Amino acid sequence: MRKKNENWIVKKSTAGLGLFAQKDFKKNDFIIEYTGKKISHEKADEKGGLYLFTLNENWVLDGTDRKHKARYLNHSCRPNCEAVIEDDKRIMIYAIKKISAGDELTFDYGEEYFEDLIKNKGCRCKKCQKK
């Protein structure tokens, strides 16, 4: 499955599918918005699974549908992007360092997600795969 635009492409990575830069990005450049259906925390807890991103104390974005391309951003213990929640309404992904075309776009999923969903299976980011 390869879905393109001028900024990024979805393709195979060490963690399954990933999002890869199609151009160079500078630090602080906007990469992509994390989108999805807005659901309550209660519904998110009932649903469980991956691709749930907390927006604020009331809402979670459910990016499960494959049309939400930011869902392909994988976790990294040494990320090149960060997620910024803007106005409690939108989750925007920005570069935190220079990213070259061809680099996988990653961010740190956070301690709770790491402990609950990654730690027991083993982290598959580049940093941890080199150990």
N, C-alpha and C. Protein backbone atom coordinates (compact mmCIF):
# COMPACT_ATOMS: atom_id res chain seq x y z
N MET A 1 0.85 -1.19 0.00
CA MET A 1 0.00 0.00 0.00
C MET A 1 0.88 1.24 0.00
N ARG A 2 0.79 2.05 -1.00
CA ARG A 2 1.58 3.27 -1.08
C ARG A 2 0.65 4.43 -1.38
N LYS A 3 0.52 5.31 -0.43
CA LYS A 3 -0.33 6.50 -0.60
C LYS A 3 0.59 7.71 -0.54
N LYS A 4 0.57 8.54 -1.57
CA LYS A 4 1.51 9.65 -1.67
C LYS A 4 0.84 11.01 -1.59
N ASN A 5 1.60 11.95 -1.20
CA ASN A 5 1.35 13.37 -1.46
C ASN A 5 2.73 13.97 -1.64
N GLU A 6 2.84 15.25 -1.78
CA GLU A 6 4.15 15.85 -2.04
C GLU A 6 5.06 15.90 -0.80
N ASN A 7 4.49 15.69 0.40
CA ASN A 7 5.27 15.83 1.63
C ASN A 7 5.70 14.51 2.26
N TRP A 8 4.91 13.47 2.08
CA TRP A 8 5.18 12.19 2.73
C TRP A 8 4.57 11.04 1.96
N ILE A 9 4.98 9.82 2.31
CA ILE A 9 4.48 8.60 1.67
C ILE A 9 4.34 7.52 2.75
N VAL A 10 3.32 6.68 2.63
CA VAL A 10 3.13 5.54 3.52
C VAL A 10 3.81 4.34 2.88
N LYS A 11 4.71 3.68 3.62
CA LYS A 11 5.36 2.47 3.11
C LYS A 11 5.87 1.63 4.28
N LYS A 12 6.43 0.49 3.97
CA LYS A 12 6.89 -0.47 4.97
C LYS A 12 8.02 0.12 5.82
N SER A 13 7.93 -0.14 7.15
CA SER A 13 8.98 0.29 8.07
C SER A 13 9.30 -0.87 9.00
N THR A 14 10.19 -0.66 9.93
CA THR A 14 10.55 -1.72 10.89
C THR A 14 9.39 -2.05 11.83
N ALA A 15 8.41 -1.17 11.94
CA ALA A 15 7.27 -1.38 12.84
C ALA A 15 5.98 -1.67 12.07
N GLY A 16 6.08 -2.11 10.84
CA GLY A 16 4.90 -2.34 10.00
C GLY A 16 4.87 -1.33 8.89
N LEU A 17 3.81 -0.54 8.83
CA LEU A 17 3.76 0.57 7.89
C LEU A 17 4.18 1.84 8.61
N GLY A 18 4.81 2.74 7.90
CA GLY A 18 5.25 3.99 8.48
C GLY A 18 5.03 5.14 7.53
N LEU A 19 5.23 6.34 8.02
CA LEU A 19 5.11 7.56 7.23
C LEU A 19 6.53 8.07 6.98
N PHE A 20 6.87 8.33 5.72
CA PHE A 20 8.22 8.73 5.35
C PHE A 20 8.20 10.07 4.63
N ALA A 21 9.20 10.90 4.92
CA ALA A 21 9.31 12.22 4.30
C ALA A 21 9.58 12.07 2.80
N GLN A 22 8.90 12.87 2.01
CA GLN A 22 9.12 12.93 0.56
C GLN A 22 9.93 14.17 0.19
N LYS A 23 10.21 14.99 1.19
CA LYS A 23 10.99 16.21 0.96
C LYS A 23 11.74 16.50 2.26
N ASP A 24 12.65 17.42 2.21
CA ASP A 24 13.37 17.84 3.41
C ASP A 24 12.48 18.76 4.24
N PHE A 25 12.58 18.60 5.56
CA PHE A 25 11.88 19.49 6.49
C PHE A 25 12.91 20.12 7.41
N LYS A 26 12.66 21.38 7.76
CA LYS A 26 13.49 22.07 8.75
C LYS A 26 12.83 21.95 10.12
N LYS A 27 13.60 22.18 11.16
CA LYS A 27 13.05 22.20 12.51
C LYS A 27 11.87 23.17 12.55
N ASN A 28 10.79 22.77 13.21
CA ASN A 28 9.55 23.52 13.39
C ASN A 28 8.62 23.52 12.18
N ASP A 29 9.00 22.87 11.07
CA ASP A 29 8.10 22.78 9.93
C ASP A 29 6.88 21.92 10.30
N PHE A 30 5.72 22.30 9.78
CA PHE A 30 4.51 21.50 9.93
C PHE A 30 4.64 20.27 9.03
N ILE A 31 4.27 19.09 9.57
CA ILE A 31 4.34 17.85 8.80
C ILE A 31 2.95 17.39 8.37
N ILE A 32 2.06 17.17 9.34
CA ILE A 32 0.74 16.61 9.08
C ILE A 32 -0.15 16.82 10.31
N GLU A 33 -1.44 16.84 10.10
CA GLU A 33 -2.39 16.90 11.21
C GLU A 33 -2.87 15.48 11.53
N TYR A 34 -2.89 15.14 12.82
CA TYR A 34 -3.47 13.86 13.24
C TYR A 34 -4.98 14.05 13.27
N THR A 35 -5.68 13.31 12.44
CA THR A 35 -7.13 13.46 12.33
C THR A 35 -7.83 12.17 12.72
N GLY A 36 -9.11 12.26 12.93
CA GLY A 36 -9.92 11.09 13.25
C GLY A 36 -11.27 11.51 13.80
N LYS A 37 -12.07 10.51 14.06
CA LYS A 37 -13.38 10.76 14.65
C LYS A 37 -13.20 11.14 16.12
N LYS A 38 -13.89 12.19 16.55
CA LYS A 38 -13.81 12.63 17.95
C LYS A 38 -14.75 11.76 18.77
N ILE A 39 -14.20 11.06 19.78
CA ILE A 39 -15.00 10.20 20.65
C ILE A 39 -14.67 10.52 22.11
N SER A 40 -15.56 10.14 23.00
CA SER A 40 -15.34 10.38 24.43
C SER A 40 -14.27 9.41 24.96
N HIS A 41 -13.70 9.77 26.11
CA HIS A 41 -12.73 8.88 26.76
C HIS A 41 -13.39 7.55 27.11
N GLU A 42 -14.65 7.61 27.53
CA GLU A 42 -15.38 6.38 27.89
C GLU A 42 -15.48 5.46 26.67
N LYS A 43 -15.85 6.02 25.54
CA LYS A 43 -15.96 5.21 24.32
C LYS A 43 -14.59 4.69 23.89
N ALA A 44 -13.56 5.51 24.04
CA ALA A 44 -12.19 5.09 23.70
C ALA A 44 -11.76 3.93 24.59
N ASP A 45 -12.09 3.99 25.88
CA ASP A 45 -11.74 2.90 26.80
C ASP A 45 -12.47 1.62 26.43
N GLU A 46 -13.72 1.74 26.03
CA GLU A 46 -14.51 0.57 25.60
C GLU A 46 -13.93 -0.02 24.32
N LYS A 47 -13.56 0.85 23.40
CA LYS A 47 -13.04 0.43 22.10
C LYS A 47 -11.67 -0.19 22.24
N GLY A 48 -10.78 0.48 22.99
CA GLY A 48 -9.41 0.02 23.14
C GLY A 48 -8.68 0.03 21.81
N GLY A 49 -7.48 -0.51 21.80
CA GLY A 49 -6.71 -0.64 20.58
C GLY A 49 -5.77 0.52 20.32
N LEU A 50 -5.30 0.56 19.11
CA LEU A 50 -4.32 1.55 18.68
C LEU A 50 -4.99 2.74 18.02
N TYR A 51 -4.20 3.73 17.68
CA TYR A 51 -4.63 4.90 16.91
C TYR A 51 -5.57 5.83 17.66
N LEU A 52 -5.63 5.70 18.98
CA LEU A 52 -6.43 6.60 19.81
C LEU A 52 -5.50 7.65 20.38
N PHE A 53 -5.79 8.91 20.13
CA PHE A 53 -4.91 10.00 20.53
C PHE A 53 -5.71 10.97 21.38
N THR A 54 -5.31 11.15 22.63
CA THR A 54 -6.03 12.05 23.54
C THR A 54 -5.89 13.48 23.06
N LEU A 55 -7.02 14.12 22.88
CA LEU A 55 -7.07 15.50 22.44
C LEU A 55 -7.12 16.45 23.64
N ASN A 56 -8.00 16.14 24.59
CA ASN A 56 -8.13 16.94 25.80
C ASN A 56 -8.84 16.09 26.85
N GLU A 57 -9.27 16.71 27.95
CA GLU A 57 -9.90 15.94 29.04
C GLU A 57 -11.25 15.34 28.64
N ASN A 58 -11.85 15.80 27.57
CA ASN A 58 -13.15 15.30 27.14
C ASN A 58 -13.11 14.39 25.92
N TRP A 59 -12.13 14.58 25.07
CA TRP A 59 -12.17 13.93 23.76
C TRP A 59 -10.88 13.21 23.39
N VAL A 60 -11.07 12.18 22.57
CA VAL A 60 -9.99 11.39 21.98
C VAL A 60 -10.24 11.36 20.48
N LEU A 61 -9.17 11.46 19.68
CA LEU A 61 -9.32 11.29 18.24
C LEU A 61 -9.04 9.83 17.91
N ASP A 62 -9.97 9.21 17.20
CA ASP A 62 -9.84 7.82 16.78
C ASP A 62 -9.39 7.81 15.33
N GLY A 63 -8.11 7.58 15.12
CA GLY A 63 -7.52 7.58 13.78
C GLY A 63 -7.48 6.20 13.14
N THR A 64 -8.34 5.29 13.59
CA THR A 64 -8.32 3.91 13.10
C THR A 64 -8.49 3.80 11.59
N ASP A 65 -9.37 4.59 11.02
CA ASP A 65 -9.63 4.52 9.58
C ASP A 65 -8.34 4.85 8.82
N ARG A 66 -8.02 4.03 7.83
CA ARG A 66 -6.77 4.20 7.07
C ARG A 66 -6.70 5.52 6.30
N LYS A 67 -7.80 6.23 6.16
CA LYS A 67 -7.75 7.53 5.47
C LYS A 67 -7.02 8.58 6.31
N HIS A 68 -6.85 8.31 7.60
CA HIS A 68 -6.16 9.23 8.50
C HIS A 68 -4.66 8.91 8.47
N LYS A 69 -3.94 9.56 7.59
CA LYS A 69 -2.55 9.17 7.30
C LYS A 69 -1.58 9.39 8.45
N ALA A 70 -1.85 10.30 9.36
CA ALA A 70 -0.94 10.52 10.48
C ALA A 70 -0.89 9.29 11.40
N ARG A 71 -1.88 8.39 11.28
CA ARG A 71 -1.88 7.17 12.08
C ARG A 71 -0.65 6.32 11.79
N TYR A 72 0.01 6.55 10.65
CA TYR A 72 1.18 5.77 10.27
C TYR A 72 2.48 6.30 10.87
N LEU A 73 2.40 7.39 11.62
CA LEU A 73 3.59 7.86 12.35
C LEU A 73 3.89 6.84 13.45
N ASN A 74 5.07 6.29 13.43
CA ASN A 74 5.45 5.30 14.43
C ASN A 74 6.14 5.95 15.61
N HIS A 75 6.18 5.19 16.72
CA HIS A 75 6.88 5.63 17.93
C HIS A 75 8.39 5.55 17.70
N SER A 76 9.11 6.46 18.31
CA SER A 76 10.56 6.37 18.38
C SER A 76 11.02 6.91 19.73
N CYS A 77 12.02 6.24 20.27
CA CYS A 77 12.65 6.72 21.51
C CYS A 77 13.58 7.90 21.21
N ARG A 78 13.86 8.12 19.93
CA ARG A 78 14.64 9.27 19.47
C ARG A 78 13.91 9.87 18.27
N PRO A 79 12.76 10.53 18.52
CA PRO A 79 11.88 11.00 17.43
C PRO A 79 12.43 12.20 16.68
N ASN A 80 11.85 12.42 15.48
CA ASN A 80 12.19 13.62 14.73
C ASN A 80 11.00 14.58 14.61
N CYS A 81 9.86 14.19 15.22
CA CYS A 81 8.66 15.02 15.21
C CYS A 81 8.07 15.09 16.62
N GLU A 82 7.17 16.05 16.81
CA GLU A 82 6.41 16.12 18.05
C GLU A 82 4.96 16.47 17.72
N ALA A 83 4.08 16.01 18.59
CA ALA A 83 2.66 16.31 18.45
C ALA A 83 2.33 17.50 19.33
N VAL A 84 1.65 18.48 18.76
CA VAL A 84 1.26 19.68 19.50
C VAL A 84 -0.26 19.80 19.42
N ILE A 85 -0.90 19.84 20.59
CA ILE A 85 -2.35 20.02 20.64
C ILE A 85 -2.63 21.51 20.61
N GLU A 86 -3.35 21.95 19.59
CA GLU A 86 -3.64 23.37 19.41
C GLU A 86 -5.10 23.67 19.72
N ASP A 87 -5.32 24.60 20.61
CA ASP A 87 -6.65 25.07 20.99
C ASP A 87 -7.58 23.95 21.46
N ASP A 88 -7.01 22.88 22.04
CA ASP A 88 -7.80 21.73 22.50
C ASP A 88 -8.67 21.14 21.40
N LYS A 89 -8.32 21.40 20.13
CA LYS A 89 -9.16 20.96 19.02
C LYS A 89 -8.41 20.15 17.97
N ARG A 90 -7.13 20.42 17.80
CA ARG A 90 -6.38 19.81 16.70
C ARG A 90 -5.03 19.31 17.20
N ILE A 91 -4.58 18.22 16.60
CA ILE A 91 -3.27 17.67 16.91
C ILE A 91 -2.40 17.84 15.68
N MET A 92 -1.41 18.69 15.80
CA MET A 92 -0.54 19.02 14.68
C MET A 92 0.84 18.40 14.94
N ILE A 93 1.43 17.87 13.90
CA ILE A 93 2.74 17.23 13.99
C ILE A 93 3.77 18.15 13.34
N TYR A 94 4.82 18.47 14.11
CA TYR A 94 5.88 19.37 13.65
C TYR A 94 7.24 18.67 13.75
N ALA A 95 8.15 19.07 12.89
CA ALA A 95 9.53 18.57 12.94
C ALA A 95 10.23 19.19 14.14
N ILE A 96 10.98 18.38 14.87
CA ILE A 96 11.75 18.92 16.00
C ILE A 96 13.25 18.98 15.68
N LYS A 97 13.58 18.55 14.46
CA LYS A 97 14.95 18.65 13.96
C LYS A 97 14.89 18.54 12.44
N LYS A 98 16.01 18.70 11.80
CA LYS A 98 16.07 18.57 10.35
C LYS A 98 15.72 17.14 9.98
N ILE A 99 14.86 17.00 8.98
CA ILE A 99 14.45 15.69 8.47
C ILE A 99 14.75 15.69 6.97
N SER A 100 15.40 14.65 6.52
CA SER A 100 15.74 14.53 5.10
C SER A 100 14.71 13.68 4.37
N ALA A 101 14.53 13.96 3.10
CA ALA A 101 13.65 13.13 2.27
C ALA A 101 14.09 11.68 2.41
N GLY A 102 13.12 10.79 2.61
CA GLY A 102 13.42 9.38 2.80
C GLY A 102 13.42 8.94 4.25
N ASP A 103 13.56 9.88 5.19
CA ASP A 103 13.55 9.55 6.62
C ASP A 103 12.14 9.17 7.07
N GLU A 104 12.06 8.19 7.98
CA GLU A 104 10.78 7.87 8.58
C GLU A 104 10.40 8.98 9.55
N LEU A 105 9.14 9.37 9.56
CA LEU A 105 8.63 10.40 10.47
C LEU A 105 8.13 9.71 11.73
N THR A 106 8.64 10.12 12.88
CA THR A 106 8.32 9.46 14.15
C THR A 106 8.11 10.48 15.25
N PHE A 107 7.38 10.06 16.29
CA PHE A 107 7.29 10.87 17.50
C PHE A 107 7.22 9.94 18.70
N ASP A 108 7.44 10.49 19.87
CA ASP A 108 7.40 9.73 21.11
C ASP A 108 5.95 9.60 21.54
N TYR A 109 5.44 8.37 21.62
CA TYR A 109 4.04 8.15 21.97
C TYR A 109 3.74 8.44 23.43
N GLY A 110 4.75 8.61 24.24
CA GLY A 110 4.53 8.92 25.65
C GLY A 110 4.69 7.70 26.54
N GLU A 111 4.95 7.98 27.80
CA GLU A 111 5.26 6.93 28.78
C GLU A 111 4.12 5.93 28.96
N GLU A 112 2.88 6.42 29.09
CA GLU A 112 1.75 5.52 29.33
C GLU A 112 1.55 4.54 28.17
N TYR A 113 1.55 5.06 26.95
CA TYR A 113 1.39 4.21 25.77
C TYR A 113 2.54 3.21 25.69
N PHE A 114 3.77 3.71 25.92
CA PHE A 114 4.94 2.84 25.86
C PHE A 114 4.81 1.70 26.86
N GLU A 115 4.47 2.03 28.10
CA GLU A 115 4.34 1.01 29.15
C GLU A 115 3.22 0.01 28.83
N ASP A 116 2.08 0.50 28.36
CA ASP A 116 0.91 -0.35 28.12
C ASP A 116 1.01 -1.19 26.85
N LEU A 117 1.57 -0.63 25.78
CA LEU A 117 1.46 -1.29 24.48
C LEU A 117 2.77 -1.63 23.77
N ILE A 118 3.87 -1.03 24.17
CA ILE A 118 5.11 -1.27 23.45
C ILE A 118 6.11 -2.10 24.25
N LYS A 119 6.26 -1.78 25.52
CA LYS A 119 7.32 -2.35 26.34
C LYS A 119 7.36 -3.88 26.32
N ASN A 120 6.22 -4.53 26.51
CA ASN A 120 6.20 -5.99 26.58
C ASN A 120 6.52 -6.66 25.25
N LYS A 121 6.21 -6.01 24.14
CA LYS A 121 6.48 -6.57 22.81
C LYS A 121 7.87 -6.19 22.32
N GLY A 122 8.44 -5.16 22.91
CA GLY A 122 9.74 -4.66 22.49
C GLY A 122 9.59 -3.51 21.51
N CYS A 123 10.34 -2.48 21.75
CA CYS A 123 10.30 -1.30 20.88
C CYS A 123 11.00 -1.62 19.56
N ARG A 124 10.38 -1.19 18.46
CA ARG A 124 10.93 -1.47 17.14
C ARG A 124 11.48 -0.21 16.45
N CYS A 125 11.74 0.84 17.25
CA CYS A 125 12.31 2.05 16.64
C CYS A 125 13.78 1.80 16.29
N LYS A 126 14.34 2.64 15.41
CA LYS A 126 15.74 2.49 14.97
C LYS A 126 16.70 2.45 16.15
N LYS A 127 16.51 3.33 17.11
CA LYS A 127 17.40 3.41 18.26
C LYS A 127 17.44 2.08 19.00
N CYS A 128 16.27 1.50 19.25
CA CYS A 128 16.19 0.25 20.02
C CYS A 128 16.57 -0.97 19.18
N GLN A 129 16.38 -0.92 17.88
CA GLN A 129 16.74 -2.04 17.01
C GLN A 129 18.26 -2.20 16.90
N LYS A 130 19.00 -1.11 17.14
CA LYS A 130 20.46 -1.15 17.05
C LYS A 130 21.10 -1.77 18.29
N LYS A 131 20.32 -1.93 19.36
CA LYS A 131 20.88 -2.49 20.61
C LYS A 131 21.20 -3.95 20.46
